N, C-alpha and C. Protein backbone atom coordinates (compact mmCIF):
# COMPACT_ATOMS: atom_id res chain seq x y z
N MET A 1 157.19 126.93 188.76
CA MET A 1 155.94 127.29 188.23
C MET A 1 156.07 128.56 189.62
N SER A 2 155.09 129.47 189.19
CA SER A 2 155.43 131.04 190.19
C SER A 2 154.01 130.92 191.34
N ARG A 3 154.74 131.77 191.80
CA ARG A 3 154.01 131.76 193.08
C ARG A 3 152.56 132.84 192.67
N PRO A 4 151.25 131.95 192.90
CA PRO A 4 150.19 133.31 192.57
C PRO A 4 150.48 134.37 193.89
N ARG A 5 150.35 136.12 192.84
CA ARG A 5 150.50 137.47 193.74
C ARG A 5 148.95 137.68 194.13
N ILE A 6 149.68 137.70 195.77
CA ILE A 6 148.63 137.79 196.49
C ILE A 6 148.16 139.29 196.31
N VAL A 7 146.74 139.90 196.24
CA VAL A 7 146.19 141.20 196.30
C VAL A 7 145.29 140.99 197.22
N GLU A 8 145.00 141.48 198.64
CA GLU A 8 144.02 142.13 199.30
C GLU A 8 143.52 142.76 198.68
N PRO A 9 142.12 143.16 198.29
CA PRO A 9 141.13 143.94 197.99
C PRO A 9 141.05 145.03 199.13
N ASP A 10 141.21 145.08 200.65
CA ASP A 10 141.64 146.76 201.08
C ASP A 10 143.18 147.01 201.08
N SER A 11 143.77 146.64 200.57
CA SER A 11 145.76 147.04 200.20
C SER A 11 145.50 148.30 199.72
N PRO A 12 146.71 149.00 199.33
CA PRO A 12 146.48 150.73 199.01
C PRO A 12 146.43 149.92 197.98
N ASP A 13 146.89 148.37 196.53
CA ASP A 13 146.82 148.50 195.47
C ASP A 13 146.31 147.74 194.78
N GLY A 14 145.43 147.52 195.52
CA GLY A 14 144.37 146.23 195.13
C GLY A 14 143.06 146.57 194.80
N GLY A 15 142.72 147.91 194.74
CA GLY A 15 141.11 147.84 194.15
C GLY A 15 140.53 148.53 195.49
N VAL A 16 139.05 148.65 195.29
CA VAL A 16 138.24 149.90 196.12
C VAL A 16 138.23 148.88 197.57
N PRO A 17 137.87 148.96 198.51
CA PRO A 17 137.95 148.07 199.97
C PRO A 17 136.20 147.26 199.79
N PRO A 18 135.91 146.02 200.05
CA PRO A 18 134.62 145.64 200.02
C PRO A 18 133.93 146.40 200.85
N SER A 19 134.13 146.42 201.54
CA SER A 19 133.38 147.10 202.90
C SER A 19 132.58 147.78 203.08
N ARG A 20 132.93 148.78 202.55
CA ARG A 20 132.06 150.28 202.33
C ARG A 20 131.18 150.24 201.18
N PRO A 21 130.66 150.88 202.08
CA PRO A 21 128.79 151.15 201.82
C PRO A 21 129.30 151.83 200.32
N GLY A 22 127.93 151.21 199.35
CA GLY A 22 128.59 151.39 197.73
C GLY A 22 129.27 151.68 197.34
N GLU A 23 130.35 150.57 197.27
CA GLU A 23 131.70 150.46 196.89
C GLU A 23 131.35 148.38 196.23
N ALA A 24 132.59 148.22 195.81
CA ALA A 24 132.45 146.91 195.11
C ALA A 24 132.35 145.87 196.42
N PRO A 25 131.07 144.74 196.02
CA PRO A 25 131.46 143.50 196.83
C PRO A 25 131.79 142.40 196.86
N SER A 26 132.20 142.13 197.49
CA SER A 26 133.67 141.34 198.06
C SER A 26 133.01 139.65 197.99
N THR A 27 132.31 139.55 196.87
CA THR A 27 131.60 138.87 196.56
C THR A 27 131.11 138.34 195.39
N LEU A 28 130.70 137.58 194.67
CA LEU A 28 130.66 137.71 192.59
C LEU A 28 129.12 136.95 192.67
N LYS A 29 128.09 137.50 191.69
CA LYS A 29 126.62 137.35 191.74
C LYS A 29 126.64 136.80 190.59
N VAL A 30 126.37 135.58 190.04
CA VAL A 30 126.01 135.11 188.37
C VAL A 30 124.43 134.77 188.07
N PRO A 31 124.14 134.86 187.32
CA PRO A 31 122.93 134.60 187.32
C PRO A 31 122.52 132.91 187.01
N PHE A 32 123.24 132.39 186.61
CA PHE A 32 123.36 130.33 186.45
C PHE A 32 124.82 130.54 186.55
N HIS A 33 125.05 129.66 187.63
CA HIS A 33 126.38 128.69 188.02
C HIS A 33 126.94 127.75 186.69
N PRO A 34 128.75 128.15 186.34
CA PRO A 34 128.62 127.61 184.82
C PRO A 34 128.54 126.00 184.91
N GLY A 35 128.35 125.45 186.36
CA GLY A 35 128.42 123.88 185.97
C GLY A 35 127.02 123.96 185.56
N LEU A 36 125.49 125.08 185.92
CA LEU A 36 124.41 124.44 185.66
C LEU A 36 124.30 124.82 184.23
N VAL A 37 125.58 125.99 183.79
CA VAL A 37 125.00 126.02 181.78
C VAL A 37 126.16 124.75 181.51
N LEU A 38 127.00 124.46 182.25
CA LEU A 38 127.56 122.97 181.20
C LEU A 38 126.68 121.86 181.40
N GLY A 39 126.02 121.54 182.56
CA GLY A 39 125.03 120.97 182.56
C GLY A 39 123.41 120.52 181.87
N LEU A 40 123.17 121.91 181.57
CA LEU A 40 121.98 122.15 180.50
C LEU A 40 122.53 121.73 179.05
N PHE A 41 123.90 122.24 178.06
CA PHE A 41 124.37 122.26 176.97
C PHE A 41 124.17 120.47 177.23
N VAL A 42 125.34 120.25 178.03
CA VAL A 42 124.76 118.10 178.27
C VAL A 42 124.40 117.59 177.93
N GLY A 43 123.16 118.02 179.06
CA GLY A 43 121.69 117.32 178.27
C GLY A 43 121.05 117.61 177.13
N ALA A 44 120.96 118.79 176.17
CA ALA A 44 121.25 119.26 175.07
C ALA A 44 121.87 118.39 174.41
N ALA A 45 123.42 118.12 174.77
CA ALA A 45 123.89 117.30 173.72
C ALA A 45 123.54 115.78 173.25
N TRP A 46 123.39 115.44 174.75
CA TRP A 46 122.68 114.07 175.07
C TRP A 46 121.40 114.09 174.49
N ALA A 47 120.26 114.32 174.14
CA ALA A 47 119.12 114.47 174.02
C ALA A 47 119.50 114.69 172.09
N LEU A 48 119.89 115.32 171.52
CA LEU A 48 120.65 115.69 170.22
C LEU A 48 121.03 114.78 169.36
N ALA A 49 121.84 113.37 170.53
CA ALA A 49 122.65 112.36 169.87
C ALA A 49 121.06 111.59 169.89
N ARG A 50 120.85 111.39 170.47
CA ARG A 50 119.99 110.43 170.91
C ARG A 50 118.83 110.80 169.62
N ILE A 51 118.09 112.15 169.54
CA ILE A 51 117.41 112.21 168.17
C ILE A 51 117.39 112.36 167.27
N ALA A 52 118.68 112.62 166.74
CA ALA A 52 119.11 112.64 164.93
C ALA A 52 120.91 112.29 165.36
N PRO A 53 120.72 111.27 165.18
CA PRO A 53 122.32 110.82 165.33
C PRO A 53 122.88 111.46 164.02
N ILE A 54 124.24 112.37 163.78
CA ILE A 54 125.04 112.09 162.96
C ILE A 54 126.88 112.26 163.17
N PRO A 55 127.33 111.09 162.79
CA PRO A 55 128.59 110.36 163.18
C PRO A 55 129.83 112.01 163.17
N ILE A 56 130.63 112.27 164.07
CA ILE A 56 131.10 113.12 163.67
C ILE A 56 132.00 112.62 162.84
N PRO A 57 132.50 113.72 161.49
CA PRO A 57 133.09 112.97 160.42
C PRO A 57 135.37 112.73 160.68
N LEU A 58 134.91 111.65 161.28
CA LEU A 58 136.43 111.26 161.89
C LEU A 58 136.36 109.83 161.61
N PRO A 59 137.92 109.81 161.43
CA PRO A 59 138.45 108.53 161.53
C PRO A 59 138.08 107.28 163.05
N ASP A 60 137.94 105.91 162.00
CA ASP A 60 137.53 105.30 163.00
C ASP A 60 138.40 104.88 164.31
N ARG A 61 139.20 104.81 164.46
CA ARG A 61 140.65 104.92 164.82
C ARG A 61 140.79 105.58 166.04
N TRP A 62 140.02 107.10 165.93
CA TRP A 62 140.88 108.32 166.62
C TRP A 62 139.24 107.99 167.76
N LEU A 63 137.61 108.20 167.64
CA LEU A 63 137.58 108.10 167.96
C LEU A 63 137.13 107.89 169.46
N PRO A 64 137.70 106.19 169.77
CA PRO A 64 138.20 105.51 171.15
C PRO A 64 138.86 106.50 171.65
N ILE A 65 140.04 107.02 171.28
CA ILE A 65 141.15 107.39 172.10
C ILE A 65 140.94 109.22 172.09
N LEU A 66 140.50 109.78 171.42
CA LEU A 66 140.31 111.31 171.50
C LEU A 66 140.05 111.83 172.62
N PRO A 67 138.68 110.95 172.84
CA PRO A 67 138.18 111.65 174.09
C PRO A 67 138.83 111.72 175.41
N TRP A 68 139.48 110.67 175.20
CA TRP A 68 140.15 110.57 176.80
C TRP A 68 141.18 111.84 176.77
N PHE A 69 141.64 111.69 175.40
CA PHE A 69 143.42 112.62 175.31
C PHE A 69 142.33 113.79 176.00
N VAL A 70 141.13 114.65 175.68
CA VAL A 70 140.49 115.57 175.95
C VAL A 70 140.27 115.80 177.25
N PHE A 71 139.41 114.73 177.83
CA PHE A 71 139.09 114.59 179.34
C PHE A 71 140.44 114.70 179.98
N THR A 72 141.16 113.61 180.11
CA THR A 72 142.47 114.14 180.83
C THR A 72 143.07 115.65 180.89
N ALA A 73 143.02 116.03 179.64
CA ALA A 73 143.73 117.67 179.57
C ALA A 73 142.85 118.36 180.88
N ALA A 74 141.47 118.32 180.41
CA ALA A 74 140.89 119.57 181.31
C ALA A 74 140.59 118.62 183.18
N PHE A 75 141.02 117.68 183.17
CA PHE A 75 140.46 117.09 184.68
C PHE A 75 142.46 117.81 185.46
N ALA A 76 143.64 117.69 184.17
CA ALA A 76 144.31 117.96 184.61
C ALA A 76 144.29 119.54 184.81
N LEU A 77 143.78 120.31 183.50
CA LEU A 77 143.50 121.37 183.88
C LEU A 77 142.77 122.42 185.00
N ALA A 78 142.30 121.36 185.22
CA ALA A 78 140.90 121.84 186.50
C ALA A 78 141.98 121.44 188.34
N ALA A 79 142.73 120.35 188.15
CA ALA A 79 143.41 119.92 189.33
C ALA A 79 144.40 121.25 189.51
N TRP A 80 144.79 121.86 188.37
CA TRP A 80 146.37 122.71 188.63
C TRP A 80 145.55 124.09 188.76
N SER A 81 144.23 124.33 188.41
CA SER A 81 143.38 125.29 188.69
C SER A 81 143.45 125.23 190.11
N PHE A 82 142.25 124.26 190.68
CA PHE A 82 142.00 124.11 192.12
C PHE A 82 143.21 124.19 192.66
N TRP A 83 144.35 123.77 192.76
CA TRP A 83 145.54 123.96 193.54
C TRP A 83 145.93 125.59 193.45
N THR A 84 146.27 126.20 192.18
CA THR A 84 146.36 127.16 192.81
C THR A 84 144.98 128.50 193.31
N PHE A 85 144.30 128.07 193.05
CA PHE A 85 143.67 128.67 194.18
C PHE A 85 143.59 128.44 195.63
N ARG A 86 143.59 126.94 195.91
CA ARG A 86 144.20 126.38 197.44
C ARG A 86 145.28 127.34 197.71
N LYS A 87 146.42 127.43 196.98
CA LYS A 87 148.09 127.39 197.23
C LYS A 87 147.52 129.85 197.05
N GLY A 88 146.60 130.02 196.39
CA GLY A 88 146.23 130.96 196.70
C GLY A 88 145.48 131.96 197.51
N ALA A 89 144.91 130.95 198.46
CA ALA A 89 144.51 130.61 199.77
C ALA A 89 142.72 131.73 199.89
N THR A 90 142.86 131.38 197.92
CA THR A 90 141.03 131.94 198.06
C THR A 90 140.03 130.65 197.83
N SER A 91 139.24 131.18 196.98
CA SER A 91 137.95 129.78 196.67
C SER A 91 137.24 130.40 195.26
N ALA A 92 136.68 128.91 194.23
CA ALA A 92 136.63 129.06 193.38
C ALA A 92 135.38 128.96 193.22
N ASP A 93 134.53 129.32 194.51
CA ASP A 93 133.07 129.05 194.75
C ASP A 93 132.36 130.32 195.24
N TYR A 94 131.50 130.45 193.50
CA TYR A 94 129.94 131.99 193.43
C TYR A 94 129.87 131.54 195.23
N GLY A 95 129.86 133.20 195.74
CA GLY A 95 129.35 133.19 197.27
C GLY A 95 130.08 133.57 197.97
N ARG A 96 131.42 132.93 197.69
CA ARG A 96 132.64 133.42 198.70
C ARG A 96 133.58 134.43 198.88
N LYS A 97 134.16 135.16 199.77
CA LYS A 97 134.65 136.15 199.26
C LYS A 97 135.70 135.95 198.82
N VAL A 98 136.30 136.99 197.76
CA VAL A 98 137.19 136.71 197.07
C VAL A 98 138.37 137.36 197.87
N ARG A 99 139.76 137.28 198.06
CA ARG A 99 140.43 138.09 198.54
C ARG A 99 141.39 137.59 197.91
N THR A 100 141.70 136.83 196.41
CA THR A 100 143.43 136.93 195.79
C THR A 100 143.11 137.30 194.43
N LEU A 101 143.97 137.55 193.55
CA LEU A 101 143.77 137.88 192.45
C LEU A 101 144.62 136.88 192.13
N LEU A 102 144.46 135.69 191.22
CA LEU A 102 145.41 135.01 190.84
C LEU A 102 146.17 134.90 189.28
N THR A 103 147.21 135.05 189.37
CA THR A 103 148.06 135.16 188.28
C THR A 103 149.13 134.40 188.03
N GLY A 104 149.39 133.44 188.56
CA GLY A 104 149.92 132.38 188.84
C GLY A 104 149.74 130.95 188.38
N GLY A 105 150.28 129.57 187.83
CA GLY A 105 149.69 128.67 187.71
C GLY A 105 148.92 129.02 186.14
N PRO A 106 147.84 128.22 186.26
CA PRO A 106 147.34 128.33 184.73
C PRO A 106 146.70 129.41 184.40
N TYR A 107 146.86 130.59 185.75
CA TYR A 107 146.02 131.33 185.17
C TYR A 107 147.29 133.30 184.19
N ARG A 108 148.58 132.11 184.27
CA ARG A 108 149.47 133.03 183.55
C ARG A 108 149.22 133.25 181.94
N PHE A 109 148.58 131.49 181.35
CA PHE A 109 148.25 131.52 180.63
C PHE A 109 146.45 131.66 179.56
N SER A 110 145.71 132.04 180.97
CA SER A 110 144.09 132.13 180.48
C SER A 110 143.81 132.81 181.69
N ARG A 111 142.99 133.77 181.64
CA ARG A 111 142.09 134.18 182.72
C ARG A 111 140.76 133.38 183.17
N ASN A 112 140.82 132.41 182.13
CA ASN A 112 139.42 131.61 182.77
C ASN A 112 140.17 129.81 182.25
N PRO A 113 140.70 129.05 183.21
CA PRO A 113 140.97 128.03 182.64
C PRO A 113 140.02 127.02 183.58
N LEU A 114 139.26 127.60 184.33
CA LEU A 114 138.02 126.39 185.27
C LEU A 114 137.13 126.86 183.75
N PHE A 115 137.00 128.00 182.87
CA PHE A 115 135.87 127.44 181.76
C PHE A 115 136.35 126.66 180.46
N LEU A 116 137.58 127.16 180.55
CA LEU A 116 138.50 126.09 179.68
C LEU A 116 137.90 124.51 179.78
N THR A 117 138.41 124.44 180.85
CA THR A 117 137.88 122.79 181.55
C THR A 117 136.19 122.47 181.13
N ASN A 118 135.65 123.08 181.56
CA ASN A 118 133.95 123.05 181.03
C ASN A 118 134.12 123.16 179.49
N ALA A 119 134.72 123.54 178.42
CA ALA A 119 134.45 123.74 177.25
C ALA A 119 135.41 122.74 176.93
N LEU A 120 136.59 121.32 177.64
CA LEU A 120 137.34 120.67 177.10
C LEU A 120 136.53 119.33 177.86
N LEU A 121 135.49 119.07 178.67
CA LEU A 121 134.55 118.51 179.15
C LEU A 121 133.89 117.91 178.21
N PHE A 122 132.94 119.16 177.70
CA PHE A 122 131.91 119.28 176.74
C PHE A 122 132.56 118.70 175.79
N LEU A 123 133.52 119.41 175.12
CA LEU A 123 133.88 118.29 173.95
C LEU A 123 134.29 117.70 174.09
N GLY A 124 134.95 116.40 174.50
CA GLY A 124 134.86 115.04 174.88
C GLY A 124 134.08 114.10 175.14
N LEU A 125 133.10 115.36 175.61
CA LEU A 125 131.35 114.38 175.69
C LEU A 125 131.08 114.64 174.74
N THR A 126 131.12 115.56 173.62
CA THR A 126 130.59 114.96 172.29
C THR A 126 131.21 114.03 171.30
N LEU A 127 132.70 114.05 171.71
CA LEU A 127 132.98 112.95 171.19
C LEU A 127 132.95 111.58 171.51
N VAL A 128 132.47 111.23 172.79
CA VAL A 128 132.24 110.01 173.30
C VAL A 128 130.81 110.36 172.74
N LEU A 129 130.14 110.69 172.68
CA LEU A 129 128.73 111.22 171.81
C LEU A 129 128.62 110.19 170.27
N ASP A 130 129.79 111.01 169.61
CA ASP A 130 130.00 110.49 168.22
C ASP A 130 128.66 111.83 168.06
N ASN A 131 128.21 112.94 167.70
CA ASN A 131 127.20 113.16 166.75
C ASN A 131 127.72 114.98 166.66
N ALA A 132 128.09 114.60 165.55
CA ALA A 132 127.84 116.04 165.12
C ALA A 132 126.97 117.38 165.53
N TRP A 133 125.92 116.97 165.87
CA TRP A 133 124.95 117.92 166.05
C TRP A 133 125.40 118.40 167.82
N ALA A 134 125.79 117.17 168.02
CA ALA A 134 126.11 117.36 169.99
C ALA A 134 127.52 118.25 170.04
N LEU A 135 128.20 118.19 168.77
CA LEU A 135 129.11 119.18 168.25
C LEU A 135 129.06 120.75 168.13
N SER A 136 128.12 120.56 167.41
CA SER A 136 127.44 121.84 166.59
C SER A 136 127.20 122.84 168.31
N LEU A 137 127.02 122.55 169.09
CA LEU A 137 126.42 123.38 170.23
C LEU A 137 127.68 123.81 171.20
N PHE A 138 128.71 123.35 170.85
CA PHE A 138 129.86 124.01 171.32
C PHE A 138 130.46 125.49 171.56
N PRO A 139 129.85 125.77 169.91
CA PRO A 139 130.30 127.28 170.01
C PRO A 139 129.44 128.40 171.02
N ALA A 140 127.75 127.43 171.13
CA ALA A 140 126.63 128.76 171.82
C ALA A 140 127.37 127.96 173.53
N LEU A 141 127.78 127.38 173.42
CA LEU A 141 128.57 126.57 175.22
C LEU A 141 129.40 127.88 175.35
N LEU A 142 129.93 128.02 174.33
CA LEU A 142 131.17 129.41 174.66
C LEU A 142 130.78 131.00 174.74
N LEU A 143 129.69 131.01 173.89
CA LEU A 143 128.95 132.37 173.85
C LEU A 143 128.15 132.66 175.61
N THR A 144 127.73 131.16 175.85
CA THR A 144 126.95 131.78 176.81
C THR A 144 127.65 131.60 178.21
N LEU A 145 128.71 130.80 178.09
CA LEU A 145 129.71 130.79 179.46
C LEU A 145 129.92 132.70 179.06
N ASP A 146 130.60 133.16 177.91
CA ASP A 146 131.13 134.24 178.23
C ASP A 146 130.18 134.97 178.57
N ARG A 147 128.81 135.46 177.77
CA ARG A 147 128.01 136.36 178.44
C ARG A 147 127.05 136.24 179.49
N LEU A 148 127.25 135.24 179.85
CA LEU A 148 126.03 134.88 181.26
C LEU A 148 127.51 134.97 182.92
N VAL A 149 128.70 134.89 182.09
CA VAL A 149 129.54 134.46 183.66
C VAL A 149 131.09 135.18 183.53
N VAL A 150 131.59 134.85 182.85
CA VAL A 150 133.07 135.48 182.11
C VAL A 150 132.63 137.05 182.39
N ARG A 151 131.88 137.64 181.57
CA ARG A 151 131.85 139.19 181.49
C ARG A 151 131.35 139.74 183.01
N ARG A 152 130.52 139.21 183.74
CA ARG A 152 130.38 139.27 185.06
C ARG A 152 131.47 139.30 185.90
N GLU A 153 132.13 138.13 185.62
CA GLU A 153 133.25 137.75 186.29
C GLU A 153 134.08 138.61 186.79
N GLU A 154 134.73 139.42 185.26
CA GLU A 154 135.44 140.72 184.87
C GLU A 154 135.77 141.64 185.13
N ALA A 155 133.76 141.96 185.41
CA ALA A 155 133.50 143.11 185.44
C ALA A 155 133.76 143.23 187.20
N PHE A 156 133.40 142.40 187.88
CA PHE A 156 133.43 142.28 189.38
C PHE A 156 135.15 142.16 189.78
N LEU A 157 135.90 141.26 188.94
CA LEU A 157 137.20 141.53 189.41
C LEU A 157 138.02 143.04 189.34
N ALA A 158 137.58 143.90 188.18
CA ALA A 158 138.01 144.98 187.72
C ALA A 158 137.45 146.08 189.03
N ARG A 159 136.34 146.08 189.04
CA ARG A 159 135.86 146.26 190.51
C ARG A 159 136.51 146.38 191.64
N THR A 160 137.37 144.85 192.02
CA THR A 160 137.75 144.43 193.37
C THR A 160 139.12 144.89 193.25
N PHE A 161 139.15 144.26 191.94
CA PHE A 161 141.53 144.82 192.01
C PHE A 161 142.07 145.76 191.65
N GLY A 162 141.39 146.70 190.32
CA GLY A 162 141.36 147.74 190.37
C GLY A 162 142.27 147.54 188.71
N GLU A 163 143.84 148.65 189.29
CA GLU A 163 144.67 148.37 188.33
C GLU A 163 145.44 147.18 188.16
N ASP A 164 145.24 146.63 189.18
CA ASP A 164 146.23 145.02 189.10
C ASP A 164 145.81 144.61 188.15
N TYR A 165 144.02 144.35 188.40
CA TYR A 165 143.16 143.31 186.92
C TYR A 165 144.05 143.97 185.67
N ALA A 166 143.28 145.64 185.41
CA ALA A 166 143.75 145.60 184.29
C ALA A 166 145.02 145.38 183.83
N ARG A 167 146.25 145.67 184.28
CA ARG A 167 147.23 145.35 183.61
C ARG A 167 147.60 143.68 183.83
N TYR A 168 146.75 142.91 184.21
CA TYR A 168 146.95 141.22 184.30
C TYR A 168 146.10 141.27 182.90
N CYS A 169 144.57 141.48 182.33
CA CYS A 169 144.06 141.48 181.56
C CYS A 169 144.77 142.14 180.07
N ARG A 170 145.63 143.03 180.69
CA ARG A 170 146.83 143.37 179.01
C ARG A 170 148.14 142.46 179.23
N ARG A 171 148.50 141.26 180.17
CA ARG A 171 148.92 140.73 179.89
C ARG A 171 148.73 139.46 179.38
N VAL A 172 147.36 138.56 180.01
CA VAL A 172 146.76 137.38 179.60
C VAL A 172 145.42 137.45 179.45
N ARG A 173 145.31 136.71 178.04
CA ARG A 173 144.02 136.11 177.53
C ARG A 173 143.00 135.59 178.02
N ARG A 174 141.75 136.19 177.56
CA ARG A 174 140.10 135.44 178.21
C ARG A 174 140.40 134.61 177.98
N TRP A 175 140.82 133.60 177.07
CA TRP A 175 140.23 132.65 176.83
C TRP A 175 142.10 131.55 176.99
N LEU A 176 142.70 131.59 175.87
CA LEU A 176 143.78 131.36 175.74
C LEU A 176 144.84 132.19 174.82
């Protein structure tokens, strides 16, 4: 496993120093926390499953097992992501100073493994609910996360880490 490359925002190759007036801020602000977005979609999925139950057309023998594979993948990806944050001496919390551009661990394969975790958790829940209406919300969840959080986060990282982030984006896809 490769060690995350640590790039300080105020280093010569790390973009603009966030402490200068008029320069890139050192913390990311988003209109809605990704956990809140996920929670709203989970609530909508649960309501749809209660109001208009339409089973997902999967073989009955798969439905009790498949969600647990999805949940296991989500929790493993989350643990790996948070471990990478810890190893990189930075925080996944919005509002905390961003000091490191993570390029190792799951960030070698996806620029947004924690958003993939949210997507997997939602997908697992829709399988537990066994409701096609709830599953139909999945593309809307991805689009909402992308527009409200991911794009803003990427713009922030581009301002903070400059060319290092641009090179990273050329190597690693946004989702998978």
